[in-house]
Amino acid sequence: MDIEVPYPSMGYDRAITIFSPEGRILQVEYAKRAAKSGSTAIGLKAKDGVVIIADKRLPNKLIVGDSIEKIMLIDDHIISTFAGYMADGRVLMDVAREIAQQHRIDYGNKIDLLSLIREVSNIMQYYTRYSGVRPFGISLIIAGIDNDNVPKLYSMDPSGIYYQYYAIAIGEGEDNIMKRLEEEYKPNISIEEAIKFGIKLLKEALQDKFTIDRVIVGYIRVGEKPVIVEGKEIEKYL
């Protein structure tokens, strides 16, 4: 007797413009999986600024660690990182920089975070609607000090959906780290405490793979420029 298989292979995952019978866009879900397999990054909002702690996972031991740009400057008040396909991340970071620079040229002041987030999210969402393209295989963390001198932290997934967070984790092990953040994060944490807390969570996630060379930290204190810390400078936070 033949067994009837509901919705036989009809290629619902072969095109970005086709919904499955369950109302899912499978290519977007695959892009989310790609992002979750990327190297870990953690964002934390502190009382005096914002912090990003990221894993510079080296795919080969012969790669020079300094050549991997994991935390990037978008403007002199915004930093960002990503998890997922590195090439996709670099392309979107360049786009974000162009948006911020064009805003300065047009209006003579620095862009606010929400305007930047909306522009980038529109681009990501665009790549989920048209045939012949694929979604960006990354999740983003964008953090900075807004024009009202308030630290703000956003995250965005491959579908273009974004939210503002107090604390967020993306990439490998993000589910476990988010549980820890929900249990232990405190809104009145200082930048120094946030860095130590983030490195602690990253160390627990990486376990025996953790080394100082894999860690990079970026932070912006209210009223100051972004700072990127890596290598031996990380030791003081351990």
C-alpha atoms as a PDB file:
ATOM      1  CA  MET A   1       0.000   0.000   0.000  1.00  0.00           C
ATOM      2  CA  ASP A   2       1.341   3.428  -0.923  1.00  0.00           C
ATOM      3  CA  ILE A   3       1.902   5.864   1.942  1.00  0.00           C
ATOM      4  CA  GLU A   4       0.734   9.376   1.241  1.00  0.00           C
ATOM      5  CA  VAL A   5       3.366  11.945   2.177  1.00  0.00           C
ATOM      6  CA  PRO A   6       1.943  15.403   2.876  1.00  0.00           C
ATOM      7  CA  TYR A   7       3.641  18.140   0.875  1.00  0.00           C
ATOM      8  CA  PRO A   8       6.134  15.959  -1.044  1.00  0.00           C
ATOM      9  CA  SER A   9       9.423  17.502  -2.054  1.00  0.00           C
ATOM     10  CA  MET A  10       8.283  20.630  -3.871  1.00  0.00           C
ATOM     11  CA  GLY A  11      11.337  22.829  -3.409  1.00  0.00           C
ATOM     12  CA  TYR A  12      10.045  25.095  -0.639  1.00  0.00           C
ATOM     13  CA  ASP A  13      13.659  25.609   0.422  1.00  0.00           C
ATOM     14  CA  ARG A  14      14.987  26.368  -3.059  1.00  0.00           C
ATOM     15  CA  ALA A  15      13.707  29.912  -3.466  1.00  0.00           C
ATOM     16  CA  ILE A  16      13.469  32.864  -1.131  1.00  0.00           C
ATOM     17  CA  THR A  17      10.085  33.857  -2.558  1.00  0.00           C
ATOM     18  CA  ILE A  18       8.234  30.631  -1.673  1.00  0.00           C
ATOM     19  CA  PHE A  19       6.466  30.056   1.637  1.00  0.00           C
ATOM     20  CA  SER A  20       6.160  26.495   2.870  1.00  0.00           C
ATOM     21  CA  PRO A  21       2.635  25.236   3.694  1.00  0.00           C
ATOM     22  CA  GLU A  22       3.426  25.986   7.354  1.00  0.00           C
ATOM     23  CA  GLY A  23       4.044  29.648   6.511  1.00  0.00           C
ATOM     24  CA  ARG A  24       7.836  29.501   6.829  1.00  0.00           C
ATOM     25  CA  ILE A  25      10.540  30.902   4.580  1.00  0.00           C
ATOM     26  CA  LEU A  26      13.078  28.119   4.813  1.00  0.00           C
ATOM     27  CA  GLN A  27      15.992  30.020   3.302  1.00  0.00           C
ATOM     28  CA  VAL A  28      15.710  32.596   6.104  1.00  0.00           C
ATOM     29  CA  GLU A  29      15.683  29.824   8.690  1.00  0.00           C
ATOM     30  CA  TYR A  30      18.799  28.316   7.124  1.00  0.00           C
ATOM     31  CA  ALA A  31      20.461  31.745   7.320  1.00  0.00           C
ATOM     32  CA  LYS A  32      19.618  31.890  11.034  1.00  0.00           C
ATOM     33  CA  ARG A  33      21.307  28.507  11.499  1.00  0.00           C
ATOM     34  CA  ALA A  34      24.397  29.839   9.736  1.00  0.00           C
ATOM     35  CA  ALA A  35      24.462  32.801  12.111  1.00  0.00           C
ATOM     36  CA  LYS A  36      24.103  30.563  15.176  1.00  0.00           C
ATOM     37  CA  SER A  37      27.096  28.506  14.045  1.00  0.00           C
ATOM     38  CA  GLY A  38      29.322  31.599  13.881  1.00  0.00           C
ATOM     39  CA  SER A  39      31.815  32.641  16.527  1.00  0.00           C
ATOM     40  CA  THR A  40      30.274  33.929  19.742  1.00  0.00           C
ATOM     41  CA  ALA A  41      29.705  37.588  20.547  1.00  0.00           C
ATOM     42  CA  ILE A  42      28.163  39.208  23.635  1.00  0.00           C
ATOM     43  CA  GLY A  43      26.835  42.731  23.993  1.00  0.00           C
ATOM     44  CA  LEU A  44      26.194  44.433  27.333  1.00  0.00           C
ATOM     45  CA  LYS A  45      24.731  47.812  28.206  1.00  0.00           C
ATOM     46  CA  ALA A  46      26.450  49.376  31.211  1.00  0.00           C
ATOM     47  CA  LYS A  47      25.477  52.409  33.281  1.00  0.00           C
ATOM     48  CA  ASP A  48      28.361  54.387  31.768  1.00  0.00           C
ATOM     49  CA  GLY A  49      28.570  52.920  28.249  1.00  0.00           C
ATOM     50  CA  VAL A  50      28.286  49.816  26.089  1.00  0.00           C
ATOM     51  CA  VAL A  51      30.529  46.763  25.742  1.00  0.00           C
ATOM     52  CA  ILE A  52      31.007  44.048  23.102  1.00  0.00           C
ATOM     53  CA  ILE A  53      33.036  40.914  23.856  1.00  0.00           C
ATOM     54  CA  ALA A  54      33.696  38.593  20.925  1.00  0.00           C
ATOM     55  CA  ASP A  55      35.492  35.389  20.029  1.00  0.00           C
ATOM     56  CA  LYS A  56      38.018  35.714  17.194  1.00  0.00           C
ATOM     57  CA  ARG A  57      37.740  32.042  16.360  1.00  0.00           C
ATOM     58  CA  LEU A  58      40.657  31.100  14.117  1.00  0.00           C
ATOM     59  CA  PRO A  59      39.695  28.521  11.474  1.00  0.00           C
ATOM     60  CA  ASN A  60      43.381  27.634  11.048  1.00  0.00           C
ATOM     61  CA  LYS A  61      46.266  27.924  13.523  1.00  0.00           C
ATOM     62  CA  LEU A  62      48.466  29.425  10.797  1.00  0.00           C
ATOM     63  CA  ILE A  63      46.171  32.457  10.457  1.00  0.00           C
ATOM     64  CA  VAL A  64      47.481  35.652  12.048  1.00  0.00           C
ATOM     65  CA  GLY A  65      44.925  36.666  14.671  1.00  0.00           C
ATOM     66  CA  ASP A  66      45.377  40.402  14.066  1.00  0.00           C
ATOM     67  CA  SER A  67      44.097  39.931  10.511  1.00  0.00           C
ATOM     68  CA  ILE A  68      40.626  38.996  11.780  1.00  0.00           C
ATOM     69  CA  GLU A  69      38.471  42.076  12.314  1.00  0.00           C
ATOM     70  CA  LYS A  70      35.716  40.915  14.644  1.00  0.00           C
ATOM     71  CA  ILE A  71      34.673  44.203  16.276  1.00  0.00           C
ATOM     72  CA  MET A  72      34.374  47.071  13.835  1.00  0.00           C
ATOM     73  CA  LEU A  73      34.060  50.828  14.146  1.00  0.00           C
ATOM     74  CA  ILE A  74      31.018  52.163  12.323  1.00  0.00           C
ATOM     75  CA  ASP A  75      31.421  55.778  13.469  1.00  0.00           C
ATOM     76  CA  ASP A  76      33.152  57.521  16.351  1.00  0.00           C
ATOM     77  CA  HIS A  77      30.174  56.657  18.583  1.00  0.00           C
ATOM     78  CA  ILE A  78      29.147  53.224  17.227  1.00  0.00           C
ATOM     79  CA  ILE A  79      30.777  49.784  17.214  1.00  0.00           C
ATOM     80  CA  SER A  80      29.455  46.510  15.842  1.00  0.00           C
ATOM     81  CA  THR A  81      30.119  42.805  15.536  1.00  0.00           C
ATOM     82  CA  PHE A  82      28.485  39.829  13.848  1.00  0.00           C
ATOM     83  CA  ALA A  83      28.177  36.055  13.973  1.00  0.00           C
ATOM     84  CA  GLY A  84      27.990  33.951  10.828  1.00  0.00           C
ATOM     85  CA  TYR A  85      29.589  34.265   7.406  1.00  0.00           C
ATOM     86  CA  MET A  86      32.527  36.638   7.692  1.00  0.00           C
ATOM     87  CA  ALA A  87      32.249  37.960   4.152  1.00  0.00           C
ATOM     88  CA  ASP A  88      28.569  38.842   4.677  1.00  0.00           C
ATOM     89  CA  GLY A  89      29.447  40.621   7.899  1.00  0.00           C
ATOM     90  CA  ARG A  90      32.176  42.720   6.323  1.00  0.00           C
ATOM     91  CA  VAL A  91      29.903  43.767   3.470  1.00  0.00           C
ATOM     92  CA  LEU A  92      27.164  44.927   5.828  1.00  0.00           C
ATOM     93  CA  MET A  93      29.654  46.706   8.096  1.00  0.00           C
ATOM     94  CA  ASP A  94      30.935  48.651   5.086  1.00  0.00           C
ATOM     95  CA  VAL A  95      27.356  49.539   4.171  1.00  0.00           C
ATOM     96  CA  ALA A  96      26.697  50.723   7.742  1.00  0.00           C
ATOM     97  CA  ARG A  97      29.811  52.908   7.624  1.00  0.00           C
ATOM     98  CA  GLU A  98      28.689  54.457   4.332  1.00  0.00           C
ATOM     99  CA  ILE A  99      25.253  55.192   5.795  1.00  0.00           C
ATOM    100  CA  ALA A 100      26.818  56.889   8.837  1.00  0.00           C
ATOM    101  CA  GLN A 101      29.245  58.912   6.717  1.00  0.00           C
ATOM    102  CA  GLN A 102      26.542  59.996   4.270  1.00  0.00           C
ATOM    103  CA  HIS A 103      24.402  61.190   7.180  1.00  0.00           C
ATOM    104  CA  ARG A 104      27.259  63.398   8.390  1.00  0.00           C
ATOM    105  CA  ILE A 105      27.675  64.850   4.899  1.00  0.00           C
ATOM    106  CA  ASP A 106      23.955  65.500   4.450  1.00  0.00           C
ATOM    107  CA  TYR A 107      23.059  66.774   7.927  1.00  0.00           C
ATOM    108  CA  GLY A 108      26.342  67.825   9.524  1.00  0.00           C
ATOM    109  CA  ASN A 109      25.933  65.659  12.628  1.00  0.00           C
ATOM    110  CA  LYS A 110      26.369  62.048  13.673  1.00  0.00           C
ATOM    111  CA  ILE A 111      23.644  59.534  12.946  1.00  0.00           C
ATOM    112  CA  ASP A 112      21.431  58.262  15.760  1.00  0.00           C
ATOM    113  CA  LEU A 113      21.513  54.515  16.357  1.00  0.00           C
ATOM    114  CA  LEU A 114      17.880  53.815  15.501  1.00  0.00           C
ATOM    115  CA  SER A 115      18.179  55.486  12.088  1.00  0.00           C
ATOM    116  CA  LEU A 116      21.250  53.389  11.308  1.00  0.00           C
ATOM    117  CA  ILE A 117      19.553  50.210  12.542  1.00  0.00           C
ATOM    118  CA  ARG A 118      16.511  50.831  10.368  1.00  0.00           C
ATOM    119  CA  GLU A 119      18.626  51.426   7.258  1.00  0.00           C
ATOM    120  CA  VAL A 120      20.640  48.234   7.772  1.00  0.00           C
ATOM    121  CA  SER A 121      17.564  46.177   8.667  1.00  0.00           C
ATOM    122  CA  ASN A 122      15.831  47.348   5.484  1.00  0.00           C
ATOM    123  CA  ILE A 123      18.764  46.068   3.445  1.00  0.00           C
ATOM    124  CA  MET A 124      18.730  42.701   5.231  1.00  0.00           C
ATOM    125  CA  GLN A 125      14.967  42.403   4.822  1.00  0.00           C
ATOM    126  CA  TYR A 126      15.251  43.285   1.115  1.00  0.00           C
ATOM    127  CA  TYR A 127      17.356  40.145   0.617  1.00  0.00           C
ATOM    128  CA  THR A 128      14.508  37.975   1.929  1.00  0.00           C
ATOM    129  CA  ARG A 129      11.962  39.101  -0.695  1.00  0.00           C
ATOM    130  CA  TYR A 130      13.448  38.681  -4.153  1.00  0.00           C
ATOM    131  CA  SER A 131      14.475  35.715  -6.258  1.00  0.00           C
ATOM    132  CA  GLY A 132      18.065  35.474  -7.369  1.00  0.00           C
ATOM    133  CA  VAL A 133      19.416  36.591  -3.982  1.00  0.00           C
ATOM    134  CA  ARG A 134      19.924  34.958  -0.622  1.00  0.00           C
ATOM    135  CA  PRO A 135      19.614  36.271   2.940  1.00  0.00           C
ATOM    136  CA  PHE A 136      22.710  37.491   4.747  1.00  0.00           C
ATOM    137  CA  GLY A 137      23.976  34.613   6.868  1.00  0.00           C
ATOM    138  CA  ILE A 138      24.730  36.733   9.920  1.00  0.00           C
ATOM    139  CA  SER A 139      23.283  38.180  13.101  1.00  0.00           C
ATOM    140  CA  LEU A 140      24.467  41.624  14.203  1.00  0.00           C
ATOM    141  CA  ILE A 141      25.139  43.475  17.425  1.00  0.00           C
ATOM    142  CA  ILE A 142      25.293  47.247  17.044  1.00  0.00           C
ATOM    143  CA  ALA A 143      26.133  49.325  20.125  1.00  0.00           C
ATOM    144  CA  GLY A 144      26.880  52.955  20.770  1.00  0.00           C
ATOM    145  CA  ILE A 145      26.234  56.194  22.579  1.00  0.00           C
ATOM    146  CA  ASP A 146      23.254  57.970  21.063  1.00  0.00           C
ATOM    147  CA  ASN A 147      22.909  61.693  20.464  1.00  0.00           C
ATOM    148  CA  ASP A 148      21.228  62.083  23.860  1.00  0.00           C
ATOM    149  CA  ASN A 149      24.337  60.542  25.527  1.00  0.00           C
ATOM    150  CA  VAL A 150      22.405  57.375  26.373  1.00  0.00           C
ATOM    151  CA  PRO A 151      24.149  54.003  25.801  1.00  0.00           C
ATOM    152  CA  LYS A 152      22.105  51.773  23.492  1.00  0.00           C
ATOM    153  CA  LEU A 153      22.450  48.186  22.310  1.00  0.00           C
ATOM    154  CA  TYR A 154      20.660  46.551  19.374  1.00  0.00           C
ATOM    155  CA  SER A 155      20.709  43.134  17.737  1.00  0.00           C
ATOM    156  CA  MET A 156      19.399  42.021  14.353  1.00  0.00           C
ATOM    157  CA  ASP A 157      18.883  38.598  12.770  1.00  0.00           C
ATOM    158  CA  PRO A 158      19.054  37.573   9.068  1.00  0.00           C
ATOM    159  CA  SER A 159      15.371  38.358   8.527  1.00  0.00           C
ATOM    160  CA  GLY A 160      15.984  42.022   9.323  1.00  0.00           C
ATOM    161  CA  ILE A 161      14.123  41.953  12.636  1.00  0.00           C
ATOM    162  CA  TYR A 162      15.805  44.089  15.286  1.00  0.00           C
ATOM    163  CA  TYR A 163      15.317  44.749  18.999  1.00  0.00           C
ATOM    164  CA  GLN A 164      16.943  46.935  21.598  1.00  0.00           C
ATOM    165  CA  TYR A 165      18.553  44.992  24.450  1.00  0.00           C
ATOM    166  CA  TYR A 166      20.157  45.387  27.842  1.00  0.00           C
ATOM    167  CA  ALA A 167      22.274  42.325  27.065  1.00  0.00           C
ATOM    168  CA  ILE A 168      22.452  39.957  24.098  1.00  0.00           C
ATOM    169  CA  ALA A 169      24.464  37.004  22.792  1.00  0.00           C
ATOM    170  CA  ILE A 170      24.762  35.788  19.211  1.00  0.00           C
ATOM    171  CA  GLY A 171      26.572  32.904  17.548  1.00  0.00           C
ATOM    172  CA  GLU A 172      27.712  29.559  18.894  1.00  0.00           C
ATOM    173  CA  GLY A 173      26.287  28.804  22.339  1.00  0.00           C
ATOM    174  CA  GLU A 174      24.002  31.839  22.329  1.00  0.00           C
ATOM    175  CA  ASP A 175      21.088  30.002  23.965  1.00  0.00           C
ATOM    176  CA  ASN A 176      23.110  29.003  27.035  1.00  0.00           C
ATOM    177  CA  ILE A 177      24.710  32.429  27.341  1.00  0.00           C
ATOM    178  CA  MET A 178      21.314  34.149  27.101  1.00  0.00           C
ATOM    179  CA  LYS A 179      20.080  32.054  30.022  1.00  0.00           C
ATOM    180  CA  ARG A 180      23.039  33.208  32.096  1.00  0.00           C
ATOM    181  CA  LEU A 181      22.471  36.814  31.072  1.00  0.00           C
ATOM    182  CA  GLU A 182      18.813  36.613  32.059  1.00  0.00           C
ATOM    183  CA  GLU A 183      19.812  35.260  35.471  1.00  0.00           C
ATOM    184  CA  GLU A 184      22.851  37.387  36.304  1.00  0.00           C
ATOM    185  CA  TYR A 185      22.850  40.633  34.298  1.00  0.00           C
ATOM    186  CA  LYS A 186      22.408  43.815  36.338  1.00  0.00           C
ATOM    187  CA  PRO A 187      21.460  47.132  34.675  1.00  0.00           C
ATOM    188  CA  ASN A 188      23.719  49.207  36.961  1.00  0.00           C
ATOM    189  CA  ILE A 189      26.859  47.324  35.954  1.00  0.00           C
ATOM    190  CA  SER A 190      29.958  49.381  35.101  1.00  0.00           C
ATOM    191  CA  ILE A 191      31.972  49.001  31.892  1.00  0.00           C
ATOM    192  CA  GLU A 192      34.799  47.244  33.758  1.00  0.00           C
ATOM    193  CA  GLU A 193      32.352  44.862  35.436  1.00  0.00           C
ATOM    194  CA  ALA A 194      30.600  44.235  32.108  1.00  0.00           C
ATOM    195  CA  ILE A 195      33.902  43.335  30.435  1.00  0.00           C
ATOM    196  CA  LYS A 196      34.814  40.903  33.219  1.00  0.00           C
ATOM    197  CA  PHE A 197      31.331  39.392  33.168  1.00  0.00           C
ATOM    198  CA  GLY A 198      31.338  39.002  29.387  1.00  0.00           C
ATOM    199  CA  ILE A 199      34.783  37.390  29.319  1.00  0.00           C
ATOM    200  CA  LYS A 200      33.682  35.025  32.076  1.00  0.00           C
ATOM    201  CA  LEU A 201      30.657  33.920  30.023  1.00  0.00           C
ATOM    202  CA  LEU A 202      32.768  33.554  26.885  1.00  0.00           C
ATOM    203  CA  LYS A 203      35.325  31.486  28.796  1.00  0.00           C
ATOM    204  CA  GLU A 204      32.584  29.187  30.078  1.00  0.00           C
ATOM    205  CA  ALA A 205      31.181  28.811  26.557  1.00  0.00           C
ATOM    206  CA  LEU A 206      34.552  28.015  24.963  1.00  0.00           C
ATOM    207  CA  GLN A 207      35.774  25.879  27.910  1.00  0.00           C
ATOM    208  CA  ASP A 208      39.158  24.296  27.087  1.00  0.00           C
ATOM    209  CA  LYS A 209      39.277  26.148  23.737  1.00  0.00           C
ATOM    210  CA  PHE A 210      39.485  29.504  25.504  1.00  0.00           C
ATOM    211  CA  THR A 211      42.692  31.506  25.059  1.00  0.00           C
ATOM    212  CA  ILE A 212      43.418  35.202  25.498  1.00  0.00           C
ATOM    213  CA  ASP A 213      44.345  35.469  21.820  1.00  0.00           C
ATOM    214  CA  ARG A 214      40.775  34.578  20.847  1.00  0.00           C
ATOM    215  CA  VAL A 215      39.165  37.393  22.835  1.00  0.00           C
ATOM    216  CA  ILE A 216      38.548  40.915  21.589  1.00  0.00           C
ATOM    217  CA  VAL A 217      36.718  43.597  23.546  1.00  0.00           C
ATOM    218  CA  GLY A 218      35.250  46.858  22.308  1.00  0.00           C
ATOM    219  CA  TYR A 219      33.617  49.481  24.482  1.00  0.00           C
ATOM    220  CA  ILE A 220      32.432  53.068  24.350  1.00  0.00           C
ATOM    221  CA  ARG A 221      32.205  55.170  27.474  1.00  0.00           C
ATOM    222  CA  VAL A 222      29.759  58.087  27.508  1.00  0.00           C
ATOM    223  CA  GLY A 223      31.559  61.176  26.230  1.00  0.00           C
ATOM    224  CA  GLU A 224      34.549  59.236  24.895  1.00  0.00           C
ATOM    225  CA  LYS A 225      35.684  57.527  21.703  1.00  0.00           C
ATOM    226  CA  PRO A 226      35.469  53.761  21.084  1.00  0.00           C
ATOM    227  CA  VAL A 227      38.250  51.569  22.485  1.00  0.00           C
ATOM    228  CA  ILE A 228      39.288  48.147  21.163  1.00  0.00           C
ATOM    229  CA  VAL A 229      41.225  45.861  23.525  1.00  0.00           C
ATOM    230  CA  GLU A 230      42.848  42.531  22.666  1.00  0.00           C
ATOM    231  CA  GLY A 231      45.924  40.405  23.295  1.00  0.00           C
ATOM    232  CA  LYS A 232      47.782  40.898  26.568  1.00  0.00           C
ATOM    233  CA  GLU A 233      45.591  43.884  27.462  1.00  0.00           C
ATOM    234  CA  ILE A 234      42.801  41.365  28.140  1.00  0.00           C
ATOM    235  CA  GLU A 235      44.726  39.824  31.057  1.00  0.00           C
ATOM    236  CA  LYS A 236      43.802  42.581  33.502  1.00  0.00           C
ATOM    237  CA  TYR A 237      40.129  41.618  33.130  1.00  0.00           C
ATOM    238  CA  LEU A 238      40.611  37.928  33.876  1.00  0.00           C
END
